[in-house]
Amino acid sequence: SIIAAIALTMRKRKDTKYLDPAKQVSVR
């Protein structure tokens, strides 16, 4: 129920910046 509540209330926004941890770790 907790996971379902989080999934139902989470909305993707176009103006939100998303960071990829894999790219951050592999940067030189």
mmCIF file of all heavy atoms, coordinates in Angstrom:
data_MODEL
# 
_entry.id   MODEL 
# 
loop_
_atom_site.group_PDB 
_atom_site.id 
_atom_site.type_symbol 
_atom_site.label_atom_id 
_atom_site.label_alt_id 
_atom_site.label_comp_id 
_atom_site.label_asym_id 
_atom_site.label_entity_id 
_atom_site.label_seq_id 
_atom_site.pdbx_PDB_ins_code 
_atom_site.Cartn_x 
_atom_site.Cartn_y 
_atom_site.Cartn_z 
_atom_site.occupancy 
_atom_site.B_iso_or_equiv 
_atom_site.pdbx_formal_charge 
_atom_site.auth_seq_id 
_atom_site.auth_comp_id 
_atom_site.auth_asym_id 
_atom_site.auth_atom_id 
_atom_site.pdbx_PDB_model_num 
ATOM 1   N N   . SER A 1 1  ? 0.826  -1.210 0.000   1.00 0.00 ? 1  SER A N   1 
ATOM 2   C CA  . SER A 1 1  ? 0.000  0.000  0.000   1.00 0.00 ? 1  SER A CA  1 
ATOM 3   C C   . SER A 1 1  ? 0.860  1.260  0.000   1.00 0.00 ? 1  SER A C   1 
ATOM 4   O O   . SER A 1 1  ? 0.515  2.247  -0.663  1.00 0.00 ? 1  SER A O   1 
ATOM 5   C CB  . SER A 1 1  ? -0.931 -0.017 1.208   1.00 0.00 ? 1  SER A CB  1 
ATOM 6   O OG  . SER A 1 1  ? -0.190 0.031  2.413   1.00 0.00 ? 1  SER A OG  1 
ATOM 7   N N   . ILE A 1 2  ? 1.972  1.234  0.714   1.00 0.00 ? 2  ILE A N   1 
ATOM 8   C CA  . ILE A 1 2  ? 2.874  2.388  0.699   1.00 0.00 ? 2  ILE A CA  1 
ATOM 9   C C   . ILE A 1 2  ? 3.454  2.603  -0.696  1.00 0.00 ? 2  ILE A C   1 
ATOM 10  O O   . ILE A 1 2  ? 3.501  3.729  -1.218  1.00 0.00 ? 2  ILE A O   1 
ATOM 11  C CB  . ILE A 1 2  ? 3.990  2.196  1.746   1.00 0.00 ? 2  ILE A CB  1 
ATOM 12  C CG1 . ILE A 1 2  ? 3.411  2.242  3.165   1.00 0.00 ? 2  ILE A CG1 1 
ATOM 13  C CG2 . ILE A 1 2  ? 5.067  3.262  1.595   1.00 0.00 ? 2  ILE A CG2 1 
ATOM 14  C CD1 . ILE A 1 2  ? 4.409  1.883  4.228   1.00 0.00 ? 2  ILE A CD1 1 
ATOM 15  N N   . ILE A 1 3  ? 3.898  1.513  -1.330  1.00 0.00 ? 3  ILE A N   1 
ATOM 16  C CA  . ILE A 1 3  ? 4.461  1.613  -2.682  1.00 0.00 ? 3  ILE A CA  1 
ATOM 17  C C   . ILE A 1 3  ? 3.397  2.091  -3.674  1.00 0.00 ? 3  ILE A C   1 
ATOM 18  O O   . ILE A 1 3  ? 3.661  2.931  -4.538  1.00 0.00 ? 3  ILE A O   1 
ATOM 19  C CB  . ILE A 1 3  ? 5.056  0.258  -3.109  1.00 0.00 ? 3  ILE A CB  1 
ATOM 20  C CG1 . ILE A 1 3  ? 6.228  -0.115 -2.201  1.00 0.00 ? 3  ILE A CG1 1 
ATOM 21  C CG2 . ILE A 1 3  ? 5.495  0.295  -4.563  1.00 0.00 ? 3  ILE A CG2 1 
ATOM 22  C CD1 . ILE A 1 3  ? 6.779  -1.501 -2.441  1.00 0.00 ? 3  ILE A CD1 1 
ATOM 23  N N   . ALA A 1 4  ? 2.165  1.588  -3.535  1.00 0.00 ? 4  ALA A N   1 
ATOM 24  C CA  . ALA A 1 4  ? 1.089  2.014  -4.432  1.00 0.00 ? 4  ALA A CA  1 
ATOM 25  C C   . ALA A 1 4  ? 0.743  3.488  -4.233  1.00 0.00 ? 4  ALA A C   1 
ATOM 26  O O   . ALA A 1 4  ? 0.491  4.211  -5.210  1.00 0.00 ? 4  ALA A O   1 
ATOM 27  C CB  . ALA A 1 4  ? -0.146 1.149  -4.195  1.00 0.00 ? 4  ALA A CB  1 
ATOM 28  N N   . ALA A 1 5  ? 0.743  3.938  -2.981  1.00 0.00 ? 5  ALA A N   1 
ATOM 29  C CA  . ALA A 1 5  ? 0.464  5.356  -2.725  1.00 0.00 ? 5  ALA A CA  1 
ATOM 30  C C   . ALA A 1 5  ? 1.539  6.246  -3.332  1.00 0.00 ? 5  ALA A C   1 
ATOM 31  O O   . ALA A 1 5  ? 1.246  7.297  -3.917  1.00 0.00 ? 5  ALA A O   1 
ATOM 32  C CB  . ALA A 1 5  ? 0.349  5.603  -1.222  1.00 0.00 ? 5  ALA A CB  1 
ATOM 33  N N   . ILE A 1 6  ? 2.792  5.835  -3.222  1.00 0.00 ? 6  ILE A N   1 
ATOM 34  C CA  . ILE A 1 6  ? 3.877  6.615  -3.817  1.00 0.00 ? 6  ILE A CA  1 
ATOM 35  C C   . ILE A 1 6  ? 3.771  6.622  -5.339  1.00 0.00 ? 6  ILE A C   1 
ATOM 36  O O   . ILE A 1 6  ? 3.946  7.653  -5.995  1.00 0.00 ? 6  ILE A O   1 
ATOM 37  C CB  . ILE A 1 6  ? 5.241  6.059  -3.361  1.00 0.00 ? 6  ILE A CB  1 
ATOM 38  C CG1 . ILE A 1 6  ? 5.415  6.256  -1.859  1.00 0.00 ? 6  ILE A CG1 1 
ATOM 39  C CG2 . ILE A 1 6  ? 6.381  6.731  -4.112  1.00 0.00 ? 6  ILE A CG2 1 
ATOM 40  C CD1 . ILE A 1 6  ? 6.649  5.602  -1.292  1.00 0.00 ? 6  ILE A CD1 1 
ATOM 41  N N   . ALA A 1 7  ? 3.454  5.460  -5.917  1.00 0.00 ? 7  ALA A N   1 
ATOM 42  C CA  . ALA A 1 7  ? 3.334  5.379  -7.375  1.00 0.00 ? 7  ALA A CA  1 
ATOM 43  C C   . ALA A 1 7  ? 2.154  6.195  -7.903  1.00 0.00 ? 7  ALA A C   1 
ATOM 44  O O   . ALA A 1 7  ? 2.228  6.776  -8.984  1.00 0.00 ? 7  ALA A O   1 
ATOM 45  C CB  . ALA A 1 7  ? 3.204  3.923  -7.806  1.00 0.00 ? 7  ALA A CB  1 
ATOM 46  N N   . LEU A 1 8  ? 1.052  6.254  -7.152  1.00 0.00 ? 8  LEU A N   1 
ATOM 47  C CA  . LEU A 1 8  ? -0.111 7.006  -7.607  1.00 0.00 ? 8  LEU A CA  1 
ATOM 48  C C   . LEU A 1 8  ? 0.076  8.513  -7.481  1.00 0.00 ? 8  LEU A C   1 
ATOM 49  O O   . LEU A 1 8  ? -0.462 9.283  -8.278  1.00 0.00 ? 8  LEU A O   1 
ATOM 50  C CB  . LEU A 1 8  ? -1.352 6.579  -6.822  1.00 0.00 ? 8  LEU A CB  1 
ATOM 51  C CG  . LEU A 1 8  ? -1.878 5.172  -7.125  1.00 0.00 ? 8  LEU A CG  1 
ATOM 52  C CD1 . LEU A 1 8  ? -3.006 4.813  -6.173  1.00 0.00 ? 8  LEU A CD1 1 
ATOM 53  C CD2 . LEU A 1 8  ? -2.339 5.069  -8.563  1.00 0.00 ? 8  LEU A CD2 1 
ATOM 54  N N   . THR A 1 9  ? 0.817  8.936  -6.467  1.00 0.00 ? 9  THR A N   1 
ATOM 55  C CA  . THR A 1 9  ? 0.992  10.373 -6.247  1.00 0.00 ? 9  THR A CA  1 
ATOM 56  C C   . THR A 1 9  ? 2.193  10.953 -6.978  1.00 0.00 ? 9  THR A C   1 
ATOM 57  O O   . THR A 1 9  ? 2.304  12.176 -7.074  1.00 0.00 ? 9  THR A O   1 
ATOM 58  C CB  . THR A 1 9  ? 1.140  10.662 -4.750  1.00 0.00 ? 9  THR A CB  1 
ATOM 59  O OG1 . THR A 1 9  ? 2.238  9.888  -4.217  1.00 0.00 ? 9  THR A OG1 1 
ATOM 60  C CG2 . THR A 1 9  ? -0.131 10.302 -4.014  1.00 0.00 ? 9  THR A CG2 1 
ATOM 61  N N   . MET A 1 10 ? 3.084  10.127 -7.483  1.00 0.00 ? 10 MET A N   1 
ATOM 62  C CA  . MET A 1 10 ? 4.277  10.638 -8.159  1.00 0.00 ? 10 MET A CA  1 
ATOM 63  C C   . MET A 1 10 ? 3.927  11.026 -9.589  1.00 0.00 ? 10 MET A C   1 
ATOM 64  O O   . MET A 1 10 ? 3.370  10.231 -10.351 1.00 0.00 ? 10 MET A O   1 
ATOM 65  C CB  . MET A 1 10 ? 5.393  9.589  -8.156  1.00 0.00 ? 10 MET A CB  1 
ATOM 66  C CG  . MET A 1 10 ? 6.723  10.108 -8.696  1.00 0.00 ? 10 MET A CG  1 
ATOM 67  S SD  . MET A 1 10 ? 8.046  8.892  -8.529  1.00 0.00 ? 10 MET A SD  1 
ATOM 68  C CE  . MET A 1 10 ? 7.388  7.531  -9.482  1.00 0.00 ? 10 MET A CE  1 
ATOM 69  N N   . ARG A 1 11 ? 4.219  12.236 -9.936  1.00 0.00 ? 11 ARG A N   1 
ATOM 70  C CA  . ARG A 1 11 ? 3.952  12.747 -11.279 1.00 0.00 ? 11 ARG A CA  1 
ATOM 71  C C   . ARG A 1 11 ? 5.264  13.220 -11.911 1.00 0.00 ? 11 ARG A C   1 
ATOM 72  O O   . ARG A 1 11 ? 6.079  13.880 -11.264 1.00 0.00 ? 11 ARG A O   1 
ATOM 73  C CB  . ARG A 1 11 ? 2.967  13.914 -11.234 1.00 0.00 ? 11 ARG A CB  1 
ATOM 74  C CG  . ARG A 1 11 ? 1.597  13.544 -10.705 1.00 0.00 ? 11 ARG A CG  1 
ATOM 75  C CD  . ARG A 1 11 ? 0.830  12.689 -11.693 1.00 0.00 ? 11 ARG A CD  1 
ATOM 76  N NE  . ARG A 1 11 ? -0.529 12.430 -11.254 1.00 0.00 ? 11 ARG A NE  1 
ATOM 77  C CZ  . ARG A 1 11 ? -0.879 11.397 -10.527 1.00 0.00 ? 11 ARG A CZ  1 
ATOM 78  N NH1 . ARG A 1 11 ? 0.042  10.532 -10.145 1.00 0.00 ? 11 ARG A NH1 1 
ATOM 79  N NH2 . ARG A 1 11 ? -2.135 11.219 -10.173 1.00 0.00 ? 11 ARG A NH2 1 
ATOM 80  N N   . LYS A 1 12 ? 5.446  12.888 -13.175 1.00 0.00 ? 12 LYS A N   1 
ATOM 81  C CA  . LYS A 1 12 ? 6.635  13.325 -13.890 1.00 0.00 ? 12 LYS A CA  1 
ATOM 82  C C   . LYS A 1 12 ? 6.400  14.712 -14.468 1.00 0.00 ? 12 LYS A C   1 
ATOM 83  O O   . LYS A 1 12 ? 5.392  14.958 -15.139 1.00 0.00 ? 12 LYS A O   1 
ATOM 84  C CB  . LYS A 1 12 ? 6.979  12.337 -15.009 1.00 0.00 ? 12 LYS A CB  1 
ATOM 85  C CG  . LYS A 1 12 ? 7.427  10.979 -14.516 1.00 0.00 ? 12 LYS A CG  1 
ATOM 86  C CD  . LYS A 1 12 ? 7.837  10.076 -15.664 1.00 0.00 ? 12 LYS A CD  1 
ATOM 87  C CE  . LYS A 1 12 ? 8.318  8.741  -15.171 1.00 0.00 ? 12 LYS A CE  1 
ATOM 88  N NZ  . LYS A 1 12 ? 8.727  7.835  -16.276 1.00 0.00 ? 12 LYS A NZ  1 
ATOM 89  N N   . ARG A 1 13 ? 7.319  15.585 -14.211 1.00 0.00 ? 13 ARG A N   1 
ATOM 90  C CA  . ARG A 1 13 ? 7.226  16.953 -14.707 1.00 0.00 ? 13 ARG A CA  1 
ATOM 91  C C   . ARG A 1 13 ? 8.337  17.191 -15.722 1.00 0.00 ? 13 ARG A C   1 
ATOM 92  O O   . ARG A 1 13 ? 9.458  16.711 -15.575 1.00 0.00 ? 13 ARG A O   1 
ATOM 93  C CB  . ARG A 1 13 ? 7.352  17.938 -13.548 1.00 0.00 ? 13 ARG A CB  1 
ATOM 94  C CG  . ARG A 1 13 ? 6.218  17.838 -12.543 1.00 0.00 ? 13 ARG A CG  1 
ATOM 95  C CD  . ARG A 1 13 ? 6.467  18.732 -11.347 1.00 0.00 ? 13 ARG A CD  1 
ATOM 96  N NE  . ARG A 1 13 ? 6.729  20.100 -11.739 1.00 0.00 ? 13 ARG A NE  1 
ATOM 97  C CZ  . ARG A 1 13 ? 7.057  21.067 -10.883 1.00 0.00 ? 13 ARG A CZ  1 
ATOM 98  N NH1 . ARG A 1 13 ? 7.172  20.791 -9.600  1.00 0.00 ? 13 ARG A NH1 1 
ATOM 99  N NH2 . ARG A 1 13 ? 7.271  22.296 -11.309 1.00 0.00 ? 13 ARG A NH2 1 
ATOM 100 N N   . LYS A 1 14 ? 7.981  17.958 -16.746 1.00 0.00 ? 14 LYS A N   1 
ATOM 101 C CA  . LYS A 1 14 ? 8.963  18.218 -17.792 1.00 0.00 ? 14 LYS A CA  1 
ATOM 102 C C   . LYS A 1 14 ? 10.052 19.174 -17.335 1.00 0.00 ? 14 LYS A C   1 
ATOM 103 O O   . LYS A 1 14 ? 11.170 19.117 -17.835 1.00 0.00 ? 14 LYS A O   1 
ATOM 104 C CB  . LYS A 1 14 ? 8.251  18.795 -19.017 1.00 0.00 ? 14 LYS A CB  1 
ATOM 105 C CG  . LYS A 1 14 ? 7.255  17.830 -19.658 1.00 0.00 ? 14 LYS A CG  1 
ATOM 106 C CD  . LYS A 1 14 ? 6.600  18.451 -20.870 1.00 0.00 ? 14 LYS A CD  1 
ATOM 107 C CE  . LYS A 1 14 ? 5.635  17.480 -21.522 1.00 0.00 ? 14 LYS A CE  1 
ATOM 108 N NZ  . LYS A 1 14 ? 4.954  18.057 -22.714 1.00 0.00 ? 14 LYS A NZ  1 
ATOM 109 N N   . ASP A 1 15 ? 9.721  20.073 -16.402 1.00 0.00 ? 15 ASP A N   1 
ATOM 110 C CA  . ASP A 1 15 ? 10.706 21.047 -15.971 1.00 0.00 ? 15 ASP A CA  1 
ATOM 111 C C   . ASP A 1 15 ? 11.571 20.547 -14.819 1.00 0.00 ? 15 ASP A C   1 
ATOM 112 O O   . ASP A 1 15 ? 12.359 21.307 -14.260 1.00 0.00 ? 15 ASP A O   1 
ATOM 113 C CB  . ASP A 1 15 ? 10.003 22.341 -15.545 1.00 0.00 ? 15 ASP A CB  1 
ATOM 114 C CG  . ASP A 1 15 ? 8.957  22.099 -14.474 1.00 0.00 ? 15 ASP A CG  1 
ATOM 115 O OD1 . ASP A 1 15 ? 8.606  20.920 -14.247 1.00 0.00 ? 15 ASP A OD1 1 
ATOM 116 O OD2 . ASP A 1 15 ? 8.501  23.089 -13.867 1.00 0.00 ? 15 ASP A OD2 1 
ATOM 117 N N   . THR A 1 16 ? 11.425 19.278 -14.441 1.00 0.00 ? 16 THR A N   1 
ATOM 118 C CA  . THR A 1 16 ? 12.234 18.720 -13.358 1.00 0.00 ? 16 THR A CA  1 
ATOM 119 C C   . THR A 1 16 ? 13.539 18.182 -13.919 1.00 0.00 ? 16 THR A C   1 
ATOM 120 O O   . THR A 1 16 ? 13.542 17.422 -14.887 1.00 0.00 ? 16 THR A O   1 
ATOM 121 C CB  . THR A 1 16 ? 11.465 17.600 -12.636 1.00 0.00 ? 16 THR A CB  1 
ATOM 122 O OG1 . THR A 1 16 ? 10.232 18.134 -12.138 1.00 0.00 ? 16 THR A OG1 1 
ATOM 123 C CG2 . THR A 1 16 ? 12.270 17.061 -11.473 1.00 0.00 ? 16 THR A CG2 1 
ATOM 124 N N   . LYS A 1 17 ? 14.641 18.571 -13.340 1.00 0.00 ? 17 LYS A N   1 
ATOM 125 C CA  . LYS A 1 17 ? 15.944 18.076 -13.772 1.00 0.00 ? 17 LYS A CA  1 
ATOM 126 C C   . LYS A 1 17 ? 16.183 16.689 -13.201 1.00 0.00 ? 17 LYS A C   1 
ATOM 127 O O   . LYS A 1 17 ? 15.983 16.456 -12.012 1.00 0.00 ? 17 LYS A O   1 
ATOM 128 C CB  . LYS A 1 17 ? 17.042 19.032 -13.307 1.00 0.00 ? 17 LYS A CB  1 
ATOM 129 C CG  . LYS A 1 17 ? 16.983 20.399 -13.969 1.00 0.00 ? 17 LYS A CG  1 
ATOM 130 C CD  . LYS A 1 17 ? 18.139 21.263 -13.528 1.00 0.00 ? 17 LYS A CD  1 
ATOM 131 C CE  . LYS A 1 17 ? 18.103 22.615 -14.221 1.00 0.00 ? 17 LYS A CE  1 
ATOM 132 N NZ  . LYS A 1 17 ? 19.223 23.486 -13.791 1.00 0.00 ? 17 LYS A NZ  1 
ATOM 133 N N   . TYR A 1 18 ? 16.612 15.798 -14.067 1.00 0.00 ? 18 TYR A N   1 
ATOM 134 C CA  . TYR A 1 18 ? 16.873 14.425 -13.655 1.00 0.00 ? 18 TYR A CA  1 
ATOM 135 C C   . TYR A 1 18 ? 18.354 14.136 -13.806 1.00 0.00 ? 18 TYR A C   1 
ATOM 136 O O   . TYR A 1 18 ? 18.948 14.431 -14.842 1.00 0.00 ? 18 TYR A O   1 
ATOM 137 C CB  . TYR A 1 18 ? 16.060 13.435 -14.489 1.00 0.00 ? 18 TYR A CB  1 
ATOM 138 C CG  . TYR A 1 18 ? 16.360 11.989 -14.177 1.00 0.00 ? 18 TYR A CG  1 
ATOM 139 C CD1 . TYR A 1 18 ? 15.878 11.408 -13.002 1.00 0.00 ? 18 TYR A CD1 1 
ATOM 140 C CD2 . TYR A 1 18 ? 17.125 11.219 -15.033 1.00 0.00 ? 18 TYR A CD2 1 
ATOM 141 C CE1 . TYR A 1 18 ? 16.151 10.089 -12.700 1.00 0.00 ? 18 TYR A CE1 1 
ATOM 142 C CE2 . TYR A 1 18 ? 17.410 9.898  -14.732 1.00 0.00 ? 18 TYR A CE2 1 
ATOM 143 C CZ  . TYR A 1 18 ? 16.922 9.330  -13.558 1.00 0.00 ? 18 TYR A CZ  1 
ATOM 144 O OH  . TYR A 1 18 ? 17.208 8.028  -13.264 1.00 0.00 ? 18 TYR A OH  1 
ATOM 145 N N   . LEU A 1 19 ? 18.946 13.574 -12.788 1.00 0.00 ? 19 LEU A N   1 
ATOM 146 C CA  . LEU A 1 19 ? 20.368 13.243 -12.784 1.00 0.00 ? 19 LEU A CA  1 
ATOM 147 C C   . LEU A 1 19 ? 20.528 11.738 -12.823 1.00 0.00 ? 19 LEU A C   1 
ATOM 148 O O   . LEU A 1 19 ? 19.874 11.013 -12.067 1.00 0.00 ? 19 LEU A O   1 
ATOM 149 C CB  . LEU A 1 19 ? 21.053 13.810 -11.532 1.00 0.00 ? 19 LEU A CB  1 
ATOM 150 C CG  . LEU A 1 19 ? 20.996 15.333 -11.373 1.00 0.00 ? 19 LEU A CG  1 
ATOM 151 C CD1 . LEU A 1 19 ? 21.647 15.745 -10.063 1.00 0.00 ? 19 LEU A CD1 1 
ATOM 152 C CD2 . LEU A 1 19 ? 21.680 16.029 -12.535 1.00 0.00 ? 19 LEU A CD2 1 
ATOM 153 N N   . ASP A 1 20 ? 21.407 11.284 -13.715 1.00 0.00 ? 20 ASP A N   1 
ATOM 154 C CA  . ASP A 1 20 ? 21.703 9.859  -13.829 1.00 0.00 ? 20 ASP A CA  1 
ATOM 155 C C   . ASP A 1 20 ? 22.910 9.541  -12.960 1.00 0.00 ? 20 ASP A C   1 
ATOM 156 O O   . ASP A 1 20 ? 24.023 10.015 -13.248 1.00 0.00 ? 20 ASP A O   1 
ATOM 157 C CB  . ASP A 1 20 ? 21.973 9.501  -15.289 1.00 0.00 ? 20 ASP A CB  1 
ATOM 158 C CG  . ASP A 1 20 ? 22.040 7.994  -15.487 1.00 0.00 ? 20 ASP A CG  1 
ATOM 159 O OD1 . ASP A 1 20 ? 21.911 7.257  -14.488 1.00 0.00 ? 20 ASP A OD1 1 
ATOM 160 O OD2 . ASP A 1 20 ? 22.231 7.550  -16.636 1.00 0.00 ? 20 ASP A OD2 1 
ATOM 161 N N   . PRO A 1 21 ? 22.766 8.785  -11.887 1.00 0.00 ? 21 PRO A N   1 
ATOM 162 C CA  . PRO A 1 21 ? 23.919 8.490  -11.025 1.00 0.00 ? 21 PRO A CA  1 
ATOM 163 C C   . PRO A 1 21 ? 25.035 7.756  -11.744 1.00 0.00 ? 21 PRO A C   1 
ATOM 164 O O   . PRO A 1 21 ? 26.217 7.949  -11.429 1.00 0.00 ? 21 PRO A O   1 
ATOM 165 C CB  . PRO A 1 21 ? 23.311 7.633  -9.895  1.00 0.00 ? 21 PRO A CB  1 
ATOM 166 C CG  . PRO A 1 21 ? 21.856 7.958  -9.913  1.00 0.00 ? 21 PRO A CG  1 
ATOM 167 C CD  . PRO A 1 21 ? 21.527 8.241  -11.345 1.00 0.00 ? 21 PRO A CD  1 
ATOM 168 N N   . ALA A 1 22 ? 24.699 6.895  -12.722 1.00 0.00 ? 22 ALA A N   1 
ATOM 169 C CA  . ALA A 1 22 ? 25.737 6.153  -13.444 1.00 0.00 ? 22 ALA A CA  1 
ATOM 170 C C   . ALA A 1 22 ? 26.637 7.103  -14.231 1.00 0.00 ? 22 ALA A C   1 
ATOM 171 O O   . ALA A 1 22 ? 27.863 6.950  -14.257 1.00 0.00 ? 22 ALA A O   1 
ATOM 172 C CB  . ALA A 1 22 ? 25.093 5.123  -14.370 1.00 0.00 ? 22 ALA A CB  1 
ATOM 173 N N   . LYS A 1 23 ? 26.036 8.119  -14.864 1.00 0.00 ? 23 LYS A N   1 
ATOM 174 C CA  . LYS A 1 23 ? 26.846 9.099  -15.598 1.00 0.00 ? 23 LYS A CA  1 
ATOM 175 C C   . LYS A 1 23 ? 27.664 9.961  -14.654 1.00 0.00 ? 23 LYS A C   1 
ATOM 176 O O   . LYS A 1 23 ? 28.797 10.357 -14.982 1.00 0.00 ? 23 LYS A O   1 
ATOM 177 C CB  . LYS A 1 23 ? 25.935 9.973  -16.453 1.00 0.00 ? 23 LYS A CB  1 
ATOM 178 C CG  . LYS A 1 23 ? 25.268 9.227  -17.594 1.00 0.00 ? 23 LYS A CG  1 
ATOM 179 C CD  . LYS A 1 23 ? 24.413 10.168 -18.429 1.00 0.00 ? 23 LYS A CD  1 
ATOM 180 C CE  . LYS A 1 23 ? 23.758 9.429  -19.586 1.00 0.00 ? 23 LYS A CE  1 
ATOM 181 N NZ  . LYS A 1 23 ? 22.914 10.345 -20.411 1.00 0.00 ? 23 LYS A NZ  1 
ATOM 182 N N   . GLN A 1 24 ? 27.135 10.270 -13.503 1.00 0.00 ? 24 GLN A N   1 
ATOM 183 C CA  . GLN A 1 24 ? 27.895 11.076 -12.549 1.00 0.00 ? 24 GLN A CA  1 
ATOM 184 C C   . GLN A 1 24 ? 29.103 10.326 -12.018 1.00 0.00 ? 24 GLN A C   1 
ATOM 185 O O   . GLN A 1 24 ? 30.166 10.909 -11.812 1.00 0.00 ? 24 GLN A O   1 
ATOM 186 C CB  . GLN A 1 24 ? 26.994 11.496 -11.380 1.00 0.00 ? 24 GLN A CB  1 
ATOM 187 C CG  . GLN A 1 24 ? 25.960 12.543 -11.754 1.00 0.00 ? 24 GLN A CG  1 
ATOM 188 C CD  . GLN A 1 24 ? 25.156 12.966 -10.557 1.00 0.00 ? 24 GLN A CD  1 
ATOM 189 O OE1 . GLN A 1 24 ? 24.780 12.146 -9.728  1.00 0.00 ? 24 GLN A OE1 1 
ATOM 190 N NE2 . GLN A 1 24 ? 24.889 14.252 -10.457 1.00 0.00 ? 24 GLN A NE2 1 
ATOM 191 N N   . VAL A 1 25 ? 28.944 9.031  -11.786 1.00 0.00 ? 25 VAL A N   1 
ATOM 192 C CA  . VAL A 1 25 ? 30.062 8.248  -11.257 1.00 0.00 ? 25 VAL A CA  1 
ATOM 193 C C   . VAL A 1 25 ? 31.144 8.037  -12.315 1.00 0.00 ? 25 VAL A C   1 
ATOM 194 O O   . VAL A 1 25 ? 32.353 8.073  -12.025 1.00 0.00 ? 25 VAL A O   1 
ATOM 195 C CB  . VAL A 1 25 ? 29.538 6.899  -10.716 1.00 0.00 ? 25 VAL A CB  1 
ATOM 196 C CG1 . VAL A 1 25 ? 30.693 5.979  -10.325 1.00 0.00 ? 25 VAL A CG1 1 
ATOM 197 C CG2 . VAL A 1 25 ? 28.636 7.130  -9.530  1.00 0.00 ? 25 VAL A CG2 1 
ATOM 198 N N   . SER A 1 26 ? 30.759 7.836  -13.580 1.00 0.00 ? 26 SER A N   1 
ATOM 199 C CA  . SER A 1 26 ? 31.720 7.534  -14.640 1.00 0.00 ? 26 SER A CA  1 
ATOM 200 C C   . SER A 1 26 ? 32.340 8.774  -15.285 1.00 0.00 ? 26 SER A C   1 
ATOM 201 O O   . SER A 1 26 ? 33.071 8.642  -16.262 1.00 0.00 ? 26 SER A O   1 
ATOM 202 C CB  . SER A 1 26 ? 31.026 6.697  -15.727 1.00 0.00 ? 26 SER A CB  1 
ATOM 203 O OG  . SER A 1 26 ? 29.954 7.439  -16.303 1.00 0.00 ? 26 SER A OG  1 
ATOM 204 N N   . VAL A 1 27 ? 32.048 9.950  -14.776 1.00 0.00 ? 27 VAL A N   1 
ATOM 205 C CA  . VAL A 1 27 ? 32.598 11.159 -15.385 1.00 0.00 ? 27 VAL A CA  1 
ATOM 206 C C   . VAL A 1 27 ? 34.091 11.276 -15.086 1.00 0.00 ? 27 VAL A C   1 
ATOM 207 O O   . VAL A 1 27 ? 34.590 10.814 -14.056 1.00 0.00 ? 27 VAL A O   1 
ATOM 208 C CB  . VAL A 1 27 ? 31.821 12.390 -14.867 1.00 0.00 ? 27 VAL A CB  1 
ATOM 209 C CG1 . VAL A 1 27 ? 32.182 12.681 -13.418 1.00 0.00 ? 27 VAL A CG1 1 
ATOM 210 C CG2 . VAL A 1 27 ? 32.083 13.600 -15.741 1.00 0.00 ? 27 VAL A CG2 1 
ATOM 211 N N   . ARG A 1 28 ? 34.834 11.875 -16.000 1.00 0.00 ? 28 ARG A N   1 
ATOM 212 C CA  . ARG A 1 28 ? 36.271 12.077 -15.834 1.00 0.00 ? 28 ARG A CA  1 
ATOM 213 C C   . ARG A 1 28 ? 36.570 13.552 -15.618 1.00 0.00 ? 28 ARG A C   1 
ATOM 214 O O   . ARG A 1 28 ? 35.758 14.428 -15.925 1.00 0.00 ? 28 ARG A O   1 
ATOM 215 C CB  . ARG A 1 28 ? 37.031 11.584 -17.067 1.00 0.00 ? 28 ARG A CB  1 
ATOM 216 C CG  . ARG A 1 28 ? 36.866 10.085 -17.339 1.00 0.00 ? 28 ARG A CG  1 
ATOM 217 C CD  . ARG A 1 28 ? 37.661 9.688  -18.566 1.00 0.00 ? 28 ARG A CD  1 
ATOM 218 N NE  . ARG A 1 28 ? 37.246 10.484 -19.720 1.00 0.00 ? 28 ARG A NE  1 
ATOM 219 C CZ  . ARG A 1 28 ? 37.885 10.492 -20.894 1.00 0.00 ? 28 ARG A CZ  1 
ATOM 220 N NH1 . ARG A 1 28 ? 38.971 9.747  -21.053 1.00 0.00 ? 28 ARG A NH1 1 
ATOM 221 N NH2 . ARG A 1 28 ? 37.445 11.226 -21.894 1.00 0.00 ? 28 ARG A NH2 1 
# 
